[in-house]
Amino acid sequence: MLKLTIKWQRLVDEAQRTCPRCGGTEEELEKAYLKLKEVLQPLGIEVVFVKEELRMEDFKKAPLESNRIWIAGRGIEEWLGAKTGQSQCCDLCGDSECRTVEIGDNVYETIPSSLIIKAGLIAAAELLPIKTPYNSKITLIRREKT
């Protein structure tokens, strides 16, 4: 069975609390994980969701590492053709500029499940082997425009 790993890290304090932005992303990740698991299982792809904690001392050195998502070892921004941005957070993060995802004119502080699912499907498509009838080779023929 093929494996698609979704890894997420976020700031967590000693009491296991995180900020509302990361808390919202966690809820969206749970929804996306369940949907991807349901959709990809018939294709022989196992979806694994890994949560990692970022401690306050590491967060202070690199706040953009919090609320970061990787799918199949690549950042979600890469799968979506998005950019990493930042905006002031709140609560546990203090006045830190925390990670956002920017796609066109849209800026996401909490990453919606629809974007996670989209990135997961793109990544899953790359995992699937190309099979041809009779195991023949596929030849790409490039035609010149006339």
Protein backbone atom coordinates (compact mmCIF):
# COMPACT_ATOMS: atom_id res chain seq x y z
CA MET A 1 0.00 0.00 0.00
CA LEU A 2 1.25 3.51 -0.82
CA LYS A 3 1.49 6.04 2.00
CA LEU A 4 0.58 9.75 1.96
CA THR A 5 1.82 11.52 5.08
CA ILE A 6 0.37 14.82 6.25
CA LYS A 7 2.60 16.44 8.86
CA TRP A 8 1.62 19.51 10.84
CA GLN A 9 3.49 21.43 13.49
CA ARG A 10 2.23 24.14 15.76
CA LEU A 11 3.14 26.03 18.91
CA VAL A 12 2.12 24.16 22.06
CA ASP A 13 2.74 25.43 25.59
CA GLU A 14 3.38 23.43 28.78
CA ALA A 15 -0.38 23.06 29.35
CA GLN A 16 -0.82 21.63 25.80
CA ARG A 17 -2.60 24.80 24.61
CA THR A 18 -2.18 26.45 21.21
CA CYS A 19 -3.47 29.67 19.67
CA PRO A 20 -6.92 29.98 18.01
CA ARG A 21 -5.33 30.10 14.53
CA CYS A 22 -3.58 26.75 15.02
CA GLY A 23 -6.62 25.35 16.83
CA GLY A 24 -8.78 26.16 13.81
CA THR A 25 -6.26 24.64 11.42
CA GLU A 26 -6.22 21.48 13.54
CA GLU A 27 -10.01 21.13 13.13
CA GLU A 28 -9.68 21.65 9.37
CA LEU A 29 -6.84 19.13 9.17
CA GLU A 30 -8.94 16.52 10.97
CA LYS A 31 -11.75 17.01 8.41
CA ALA A 32 -9.31 16.87 5.48
CA TYR A 33 -7.57 13.78 6.86
CA LEU A 34 -10.85 11.87 7.20
CA LYS A 35 -11.97 12.84 3.68
CA LEU A 36 -8.61 12.01 2.07
CA LYS A 37 -8.51 8.70 3.94
CA GLU A 38 -11.98 7.83 2.62
CA VAL A 39 -11.24 8.86 -0.96
CA LEU A 40 -7.71 7.48 -1.31
CA GLN A 41 -8.14 4.10 0.40
CA PRO A 42 -9.79 2.50 -2.66
CA LEU A 43 -6.75 3.60 -4.69
CA GLY A 44 -4.42 1.75 -2.33
CA ILE A 45 -3.15 4.88 -0.60
CA GLU A 46 -2.96 4.99 3.19
CA VAL A 47 -3.21 8.51 4.65
CA VAL A 48 -1.19 9.17 7.81
CA PHE A 49 -1.62 12.33 9.91
CA VAL A 50 1.32 13.31 12.14
CA LYS A 51 1.14 16.20 14.63
CA GLU A 52 4.34 17.73 15.93
CA GLU A 53 4.75 20.23 18.72
CA LEU A 54 6.80 23.39 18.49
CA ARG A 55 7.99 24.57 21.92
CA MET A 56 7.91 28.26 22.89
CA GLU A 57 11.71 28.67 22.77
CA ASP A 58 11.81 27.33 19.18
CA PHE A 59 8.74 29.38 18.22
CA LYS A 60 10.39 32.60 19.39
CA LYS A 61 13.35 31.89 17.10
CA ALA A 62 11.19 31.04 14.06
CA PRO A 63 7.46 31.86 14.43
CA LEU A 64 6.74 31.00 10.77
CA GLU A 65 7.45 27.35 11.61
CA SER A 66 4.20 27.19 13.57
CA ASN A 67 1.00 26.14 11.77
CA ARG A 68 3.11 24.62 9.00
CA ILE A 69 1.77 21.73 6.90
CA TRP A 70 3.75 19.26 4.79
CA ILE A 71 2.14 16.72 2.50
CA ALA A 72 4.32 13.92 1.14
CA GLY A 73 7.37 15.82 2.40
CA ARG A 74 6.61 19.09 0.61
CA GLY A 75 5.04 22.24 2.01
CA ILE A 76 1.36 22.76 1.25
CA GLU A 77 2.29 26.03 -0.48
CA GLU A 78 4.35 24.12 -3.03
CA TRP A 79 1.47 21.79 -3.93
CA LEU A 80 -0.94 24.72 -4.30
CA GLY A 81 1.33 27.22 -6.04
CA ALA A 82 0.83 29.44 -2.99
CA LYS A 83 3.12 31.70 -0.99
CA THR A 84 3.97 31.77 2.67
CA GLY A 85 2.96 35.00 4.33
CA GLN A 86 2.66 36.30 7.85
CA SER A 87 0.32 38.31 10.01
CA GLN A 88 0.14 39.27 13.64
CA CYS A 89 -1.29 36.51 15.78
CA CYS A 90 -2.72 36.65 19.27
CA ASP A 91 -3.19 34.80 22.51
CA LEU A 92 -0.39 32.30 23.14
CA CYS A 93 1.75 33.70 20.29
CA GLY A 94 1.82 37.20 21.74
CA ASP A 95 2.60 39.84 19.12
CA SER A 96 4.44 37.43 16.82
CA GLU A 97 3.97 37.48 13.09
CA CYS A 98 2.69 33.96 12.43
CA ARG A 99 2.44 31.89 9.25
CA THR A 100 -0.28 32.45 6.65
CA VAL A 101 -0.88 30.89 3.25
CA GLU A 102 -1.46 33.27 0.34
CA ILE A 103 -3.17 32.21 -2.88
CA GLY A 104 -3.84 35.07 -5.25
CA ASP A 105 -5.65 37.79 -3.29
CA ASN A 106 -6.68 35.37 -0.53
CA VAL A 107 -4.78 35.14 2.73
CA TYR A 108 -5.52 32.23 5.07
CA GLU A 109 -4.53 32.33 8.74
CA THR A 110 -6.49 29.15 9.47
CA ILE A 111 -5.93 26.72 6.60
CA PRO A 112 -9.29 25.45 5.27
CA SER A 113 -9.86 21.75 4.72
CA SER A 114 -10.61 22.37 1.04
CA LEU A 115 -7.02 23.57 0.45
CA ILE A 116 -5.57 20.67 2.42
CA ILE A 117 -7.69 18.19 0.45
CA LYS A 118 -6.69 19.78 -2.86
CA ALA A 119 -2.99 19.60 -1.98
CA GLY A 120 -3.45 16.02 -0.76
CA LEU A 121 -5.10 14.94 -3.99
CA ILE A 122 -2.35 16.49 -6.09
CA ALA A 123 0.29 14.77 -3.96
CA ALA A 124 -1.59 11.45 -4.11
CA ALA A 125 -1.77 11.64 -7.90
CA GLU A 126 2.04 11.80 -7.99
CA LEU A 127 2.26 8.65 -5.86
CA LEU A 128 0.21 6.56 -8.28
CA PRO A 129 2.27 4.47 -10.69
CA ILE A 130 1.58 4.74 -14.39
CA LYS A 131 0.35 1.39 -15.63
CA THR A 132 -0.16 0.55 -19.26
CA PRO A 133 -1.75 -2.44 -20.98
CA TYR A 134 0.66 -5.35 -21.29
CA ASN A 135 3.32 -3.30 -19.44
CA SER A 136 4.27 -1.64 -22.72
CA LYS A 137 6.32 1.52 -22.74
CA ILE A 138 4.57 4.82 -23.17
CA THR A 139 6.11 7.03 -25.79
CA LEU A 140 5.50 10.74 -25.72
CA ILE A 141 5.30 12.22 -29.17
CA ARG A 142 5.66 15.97 -29.37
CA ARG A 143 3.97 17.44 -32.40
CA GLU A 144 5.18 20.70 -33.77
CA LYS A 145 2.58 23.39 -34.42
CA THR A 146 2.15 24.15 -38.11
